[in-house]
Every structure is written in C-alpha cells, then in structure tokens.
Protein backbone atom coordinates (compact mmCIF):
# COMPACT_ATOMS: atom_id res chain seq x y z
CA MET A 1 115.33 112.80 137.44
CA ASP A 2 118.26 110.47 136.78
CA ILE A 3 121.09 111.59 134.52
CA ASN A 4 120.29 109.13 131.73
CA HIS A 5 116.74 110.45 131.42
CA ARG A 6 118.03 114.04 131.34
CA LYS A 7 120.27 113.13 128.41
CA GLU A 8 117.39 111.45 126.58
CA GLU A 9 115.21 114.53 127.07
CA PHE A 10 118.00 116.65 125.64
CA ALA A 11 118.34 114.39 122.59
CA LYS A 12 114.59 114.71 121.92
CA PHE A 13 114.88 118.50 122.06
CA TRP A 14 118.01 118.60 119.90
CA THR A 15 116.67 116.38 117.10
CA ASN A 16 113.26 118.08 116.95
CA ALA A 17 114.09 121.74 117.57
CA ILE A 18 117.70 122.30 116.51
CA VAL A 19 118.76 119.92 113.72
CA PHE A 20 116.89 118.07 110.99
CA GLU A 21 117.01 114.53 109.57
CA GLU A 22 118.88 113.22 112.61
CA LYS A 23 117.90 110.19 114.68
CA ILE A 24 118.69 109.66 118.35
CA PRO A 25 121.40 107.00 118.74
CA ALA A 26 120.61 103.86 120.71
CA ASN A 27 121.62 104.03 124.38
CA PHE A 28 121.98 107.82 124.19
CA GLY A 29 121.40 108.01 127.93
CA LEU A 30 124.73 106.24 128.41
CA PHE A 31 126.69 108.75 126.32
CA SER A 32 129.33 110.76 128.14
CA TYR A 33 129.12 114.55 127.89
CA ARG A 34 132.08 114.47 125.51
CA GLN A 35 130.25 111.98 123.27
CA ILE A 36 127.14 114.18 123.32
CA ILE A 37 129.17 117.22 122.29
CA GLU A 38 130.77 115.23 119.45
CA TRP A 39 127.35 114.00 118.31
CA CYS A 40 125.82 117.48 118.42
CA PHE A 41 128.72 118.99 116.51
CA LYS A 42 128.70 116.26 113.87
CA ASN A 43 125.03 116.68 113.01
CA LEU A 44 125.26 120.48 113.18
CA ILE A 45 127.95 120.42 110.51
CA ILE A 46 126.10 117.86 108.37
CA CYS A 47 123.01 120.08 108.45
CA SER A 48 125.12 123.13 107.61
CA GLY A 49 126.48 121.41 104.52
CA LYS A 50 122.97 120.48 103.39
CA ILE A 51 121.79 124.07 103.85
CA LEU A 52 124.65 125.55 101.84
CA LEU A 53 124.24 123.02 99.04
CA LYS A 54 120.51 123.79 98.92
CA TRP A 55 121.41 127.47 98.57
CA GLY A 56 123.70 126.56 95.67
CA ILE A 57 126.86 127.44 97.59
CA GLU A 58 129.51 124.76 97.17
CA PRO A 59 133.21 124.50 98.04
CA ASP A 60 135.35 125.94 95.25
CA GLN A 61 137.03 122.76 94.05
CA GLU A 62 139.25 124.62 91.59
CA ILE A 63 140.81 126.71 94.35
CA ILE A 64 141.11 123.66 96.63
CA LYS A 65 142.98 121.85 93.83
CA LYS A 66 145.37 124.80 93.44
CA ILE A 67 145.95 124.92 97.21
CA ASN A 68 146.83 121.23 97.25
CA GLU A 69 149.25 121.67 94.34
CA GLU A 70 150.91 124.84 95.68
CA LYS A 71 154.23 124.19 97.46
CA ASP A 72 154.99 127.70 98.72
CA LEU A 73 153.32 128.43 102.08
CA GLN A 74 152.70 132.09 101.25
CA GLY A 75 151.15 131.03 97.96
CA LYS A 76 148.94 128.53 99.78
CA ALA A 77 147.85 131.19 102.27
CA PHE A 78 146.94 133.57 99.43
CA LEU A 79 144.73 130.91 97.84
CA GLU A 80 143.19 130.03 101.19
CA LYS A 81 142.24 133.68 101.69
CA LEU A 82 140.77 133.73 98.19
CA TYR A 83 138.66 130.65 99.01
CA ILE A 84 137.34 132.31 102.19
CA PHE A 85 136.69 135.63 100.46
CA ASN A 86 134.81 133.94 97.60
CA PHE A 87 132.63 132.05 100.09
CA GLN A 88 131.80 135.27 101.92
CA GLN A 89 130.89 136.93 98.61
CA LYS A 90 128.60 134.07 97.59
CA ILE A 91 126.81 134.20 100.95
CA THR A 92 126.46 137.98 100.71
CA GLN A 93 124.93 137.70 97.24
CA PHE A 94 122.54 134.97 98.38
CA ILE A 95 121.35 136.92 101.44
CA MET A 96 120.88 140.11 99.39
CA ASN A 97 118.50 138.21 97.13
CA GLN A 98 116.35 137.04 100.06
CA GLU A 99 113.47 138.87 101.69
CA ARG A 100 114.80 140.69 104.76
CA LYS A 101 113.78 138.89 107.95
CA ASN A 102 114.57 139.18 111.62
CA SER A 103 117.51 136.81 112.12
CA LYS A 104 117.99 137.09 115.89
CA TRP A 105 117.14 133.44 116.57
CA ASN A 106 118.49 131.86 113.40
CA SER A 107 121.30 130.16 115.30
CA TRP A 108 120.41 126.56 114.53
CA PRO A 109 119.87 124.58 111.31
CA THR A 110 116.06 124.23 111.52
CA SER A 111 115.60 128.01 111.71
CA ILE A 112 118.32 128.79 109.17
CA MET A 113 116.78 126.38 106.66
CA GLU A 114 113.27 127.71 107.23
CA ASN A 115 114.15 131.40 107.04
CA SER A 116 117.17 131.44 104.70
CA SER A 117 118.95 133.77 107.12
CA PHE A 118 121.29 133.49 110.09
CA ASN A 119 122.69 135.34 113.07
CA CYS A 120 126.35 135.26 114.13
CA THR A 121 126.06 131.77 115.63
CA GLY A 122 124.33 130.37 112.56
CA GLY A 123 126.80 132.04 110.22
CA THR A 124 129.74 130.68 112.18
CA THR A 125 128.29 127.16 112.04
CA LEU A 126 127.83 127.37 108.26
CA SER A 127 131.39 128.64 107.91
CA ILE A 128 132.82 125.78 109.97
CA TRP A 129 131.54 123.35 107.32
CA MET A 130 132.95 125.39 104.43
CA LEU A 131 136.30 125.98 106.15
CA SER A 132 136.61 122.27 106.96
CA LYS A 133 137.23 121.62 103.26
CA LEU A 134 140.57 123.42 103.57
CA LYS A 135 141.74 120.99 106.27
CA LEU A 136 143.29 123.81 108.31
CA LYS A 137 143.20 124.48 112.03
CA SER A 138 139.93 126.22 112.72
CA TYR A 139 138.63 127.94 115.85
CA ILE A 140 135.89 130.27 116.98
CA GLY A 141 136.31 133.56 118.80
CA ILE A 142 133.62 134.58 121.27
CA ILE A 143 133.38 138.25 122.22
CA PRO A 144 132.36 137.72 125.85
CA PHE A 145 129.84 136.20 125.49
CA SER A 146 127.60 137.78 122.90
CA HIS A 147 129.16 137.53 119.44
CA VAL A 148 130.95 134.67 117.71
CA PHE A 149 133.03 134.43 114.53
CA ASN A 150 135.42 132.05 112.76
CA ILE A 151 139.20 132.05 113.05
CA VAL A 152 141.36 129.91 110.79
CA GLU A 153 145.12 129.38 110.88
CA LEU A 154 146.39 129.60 107.32
CA SER A 155 149.27 127.52 105.96
CA ASN A 156 151.72 130.34 106.73
CA LYS A 157 150.51 130.38 110.39
CA GLU A 158 148.65 133.67 109.91
CA LEU A 159 145.34 133.92 111.79
CA PHE A 160 142.50 134.95 109.49
CA CYS A 161 139.00 135.95 110.56
CA LEU A 162 135.64 135.34 108.90
CA ASP A 163 132.70 137.21 110.46
CA LEU A 164 129.99 136.00 108.11
CA VAL A 165 126.98 137.80 109.58
CA ASN A 166 128.81 141.12 109.27
CA MET A 167 130.17 140.17 105.83
CA ARG A 168 133.78 140.74 106.92
CA VAL A 169 137.04 138.88 106.30
CA TYR A 170 140.31 140.20 107.66
CA SER A 171 143.80 139.29 108.82
CA MET A 172 144.75 139.11 112.48
CA LEU A 173 148.45 139.40 111.70
CA ASP A 174 148.88 142.37 114.03
CA ILE A 175 146.87 140.86 116.90
CA GLU A 176 148.73 138.89 119.57
CA THR A 177 147.41 135.93 121.52
CA ILE A 178 147.75 136.05 125.30
CA ASP A 179 146.93 133.83 128.25
CA VAL A 180 144.07 135.07 130.43
CA GLU A 181 143.06 132.94 133.40
CA GLY A 182 144.69 129.94 131.74
CA HIS A 183 142.81 130.42 128.46
CA GLN A 184 144.14 131.57 125.08
CA CYS A 185 142.69 134.92 124.02
CA LEU A 186 143.14 137.51 121.30
CA ASP A 187 144.57 140.72 122.73
CA LEU A 188 142.64 143.72 121.37
CA SER A 189 143.76 146.14 124.08
CA LYS A 190 145.69 148.16 121.49
CA LYS A 191 142.76 148.29 119.06
CA PRO A 192 140.99 151.63 119.62
CA GLY A 193 137.24 151.58 119.24
CA HIS A 194 136.75 147.86 119.80
CA PRO A 195 134.31 147.16 122.64
CA SER A 196 136.28 144.23 124.05
CA SER A 197 139.97 144.11 124.93
CA ILE A 198 140.19 140.31 125.03
CA ILE A 199 138.44 137.64 122.96
CA PRO A 200 138.66 134.01 124.12
CA ILE A 201 139.45 131.43 121.43
CA PHE A 202 137.68 128.07 121.51
CA ASP A 203 137.60 124.79 119.66
CA THR A 204 134.90 124.77 116.96
CA HIS A 205 132.88 122.22 118.95
CA CYS A 206 132.03 125.07 121.32
CA ILE A 207 129.64 126.51 118.73
CA THR A 208 127.16 124.14 120.39
CA TYR A 209 127.54 126.20 123.56
CA MET A 210 126.40 129.33 121.72
CA ILE A 211 123.41 127.51 120.22
CA LEU A 212 122.32 126.23 123.62
CA ASN A 213 122.85 129.69 125.10
CA ASN A 214 120.53 131.27 122.54
CA ALA A 215 117.96 128.49 122.87
CA SER A 216 118.01 129.01 126.63
CA ILE A 217 117.27 132.72 126.22
CA ALA A 218 114.47 131.98 123.75
CA ARG A 219 112.94 129.52 126.21
CA SER A 220 113.10 132.08 129.03
CA ILE A 221 111.32 134.65 126.86
CA GLY A 222 108.76 132.06 125.79
CA MET A 223 108.03 131.30 129.43
CA GLY A 224 107.45 134.98 130.15
CA GLU A 225 110.58 135.68 132.17
CA LYS A 226 110.62 139.45 131.67
CA GLU A 227 114.28 139.93 132.64
CA SER A 228 115.19 138.03 129.46
CA TYR A 229 113.62 140.81 127.35
CA ALA A 230 116.42 143.26 128.20
CA GLY A 231 117.96 144.84 125.11
CA LEU A 232 115.66 143.01 122.69
CA SER A 233 113.40 144.61 120.11
CA GLY A 234 109.74 143.71 119.75
CA LEU A 235 110.61 141.62 116.70
CA ASP A 236 113.28 139.76 118.68
CA VAL A 237 110.79 138.95 121.44
CA TYR A 238 108.17 137.88 118.91
CA GLY A 239 110.69 135.58 117.22
CA ALA A 240 111.56 133.90 120.52
CA LEU A 241 107.89 133.50 121.43
CA SER A 242 107.18 131.95 118.03
CA PHE A 243 110.08 129.50 118.32
CA TYR A 244 109.13 128.46 121.84
CA SER A 245 105.46 128.10 120.94
CA GLU A 246 106.28 125.88 117.97
CA LYS A 247 108.84 123.71 119.79
CA ARG A 248 107.44 123.81 123.34
CA ASP A 249 106.62 120.09 123.45
CA PHE A 250 110.22 119.15 122.68
CA PHE A 251 111.98 121.25 125.31
CA PRO A 252 113.36 119.26 128.26
CA SER A 253 111.69 119.62 131.64
CA TYR A 254 114.80 121.39 132.96
CA PRO A 255 116.32 124.71 131.78
CA ILE A 256 118.52 124.48 128.69
CA PHE A 257 121.29 126.45 130.40
CA GLU A 258 121.79 123.49 132.74
CA ALA A 259 122.71 121.27 129.78
CA ARG A 260 124.86 124.08 128.38
CA ASP A 261 126.88 124.32 131.59
CA GLU A 262 127.06 120.55 132.11
CA PHE A 263 128.49 120.04 128.62
CA PHE A 264 130.86 123.03 128.75
CA PRO A 265 131.99 123.52 132.36
CA GLU A 266 135.18 125.25 131.23
CA ILE A 267 133.19 128.09 129.66
CA LYS A 268 131.01 128.37 132.75
CA ILE A 269 134.18 128.81 134.82
CA LEU A 270 135.47 131.51 132.46
CA ARG A 271 132.20 133.44 132.61
CA GLU A 272 132.49 133.55 136.39
CA LYS A 273 135.99 135.08 136.33
CA GLU A 274 136.02 138.80 137.16
CA VAL A 275 138.07 139.71 134.09
CA PHE A 276 135.46 138.20 131.79
CA LYS A 277 132.58 139.68 133.77
CA GLU A 278 134.13 143.08 133.10
CA GLU A 279 134.43 142.29 129.41
CA MET A 280 130.76 141.26 129.32
CA LYS A 281 129.81 144.63 130.83
CA LYS A 282 131.81 146.42 128.12
CA VAL A 283 130.00 144.71 125.25
CA ASN A 284 126.53 144.71 126.82
CA GLY A 285 124.21 146.46 124.40
CA PHE A 286 126.89 146.76 121.70
CA ILE A 287 125.60 145.91 118.23
CA PHE A 288 127.99 143.68 116.28
C-alpha cells in the first residue's frame, strides 16, 4: 500500500471513530506527518471545547479578566491556580452527578461525548482546551507510558499540575527537571512512594500519541489478541470489544500502532531506551 493511501485510511478512521463533526481535508494523502499531527490536535481540541460547553463548563471569564489586569507575577500565578482549581471542581461536580460507567476507553471525543466520562487521556485533552484560555506554556507529563496529566507553567515560572481524572491539582515547585537520554523529564527520585522516578514532559500535541496508543490496544483486544488482555478487568475488555465492534469498518487495514510510531518517532525511540523500559516495569499494574 502506498503512503498516500495509508494516510487516507487513517483520516477515515480518525474522523469516524475518534472525533466528531470533522471532514477530511482535500489532498490529505499529501499531508506531511507534522501536518497530520497538527490537524489531529486541532480537531481534538475543538471537540473538547464542544464537549465542555455541552456540559455547561465554560472558561471563567471573570478570573481571566483579573489575570489580564494583574501586573504582579505572583498575583497572576495565584489567579491562574484559582482558574485551574475552579475548573477541576466544576468537572468533579459534573462527574459526580453522572451515572458511574467504566471509563477505560474514554480517551477520545466520540466516547467522551457518548458516555459523559473520561480516562486520563480524555481528561488531559479536555484540560488542554480549558488551559489554552490562559495563554500559558502548557505541556503533558506521561508516566512511562501508562498515565498522562497536564502541566502548565504559571506566570511566575512555577510548574503546576492538573490530573483531572484523579481530581488533583498541585504545585511542582519542589520537583526538578532533568535531562534523560536527551529528553526533559521531571525528577521524582526523591519522592517516596511514587511508582516512577522520572516522568518525560512532552508538547501537548503528543496527546494524540496516547489516543492512538489506547485505540491500538482496543483494536488488538477486539481482534482477539489475548496478550492484550493483561491487567484488564472484564469490563475493560468488554468496553474494548464494544468499541471495536462498532467502529470496525473504519479502522485502517494496518495496525494503529504503526501510525502512532510513524507520527511520533521520538517517543518510539524513548520507549526503546533501557532507562524508560525500567520505568515502564515499575509502573506496570499500578493504578493511577
């Protein structure tokens, strides 16, 4: 299969299984991988905004106005934390009012919209949209390579974390960043009880990697690849089977992980480094 056709198959999958109300651009087969990533990220964030607005969760314009008017950087940072905390509280209240559902596969907008719930990947994607209204530097942290959360650099340069699925917001003021295999990471080696000693930091566009990773696992389960069942509950397996059964006709003819690794070769390289393999062993089976 030529590369252009592979890209077109991916676009069909993405627009029918992952996002909603998105059309495939003309000449998509000619898009570079970078253009595909940009396109995926753009419509992910658009969908996230639509979901939050449907849930009645909007950016707090009053706090945004105060942030813009505040001259003191510490004062700005305080208001930015308040904005993030208020968002987390609104989400918590919304989720508490919903019927409890298995959220293992609610990584992508179609599933989040349908089920009114999300996993860590879905929560991080929703948060990217909300945090974008602050116009601050925003990143994601990926605990190798099983859990993802938001990191934002406040106006006073403090790193602040939002882990929406676990309903947590906290400062990273006492956590240093270090270089590991040429990649910036959070150093948690001095944090007792944490399953991972290093957490790689990525650009927010890499949330697409996590979505494709989860979709790849769901496809493997749907196709009966028993090794993919490891560590999953019966409900988790049922959810993957349901998703694959519903979207089977839209999946590309090649494994999703191939697209994942083609689009994000730098993450593929990191996963193959021994230091990150060891970190993956540490967190295997850990519930975040």
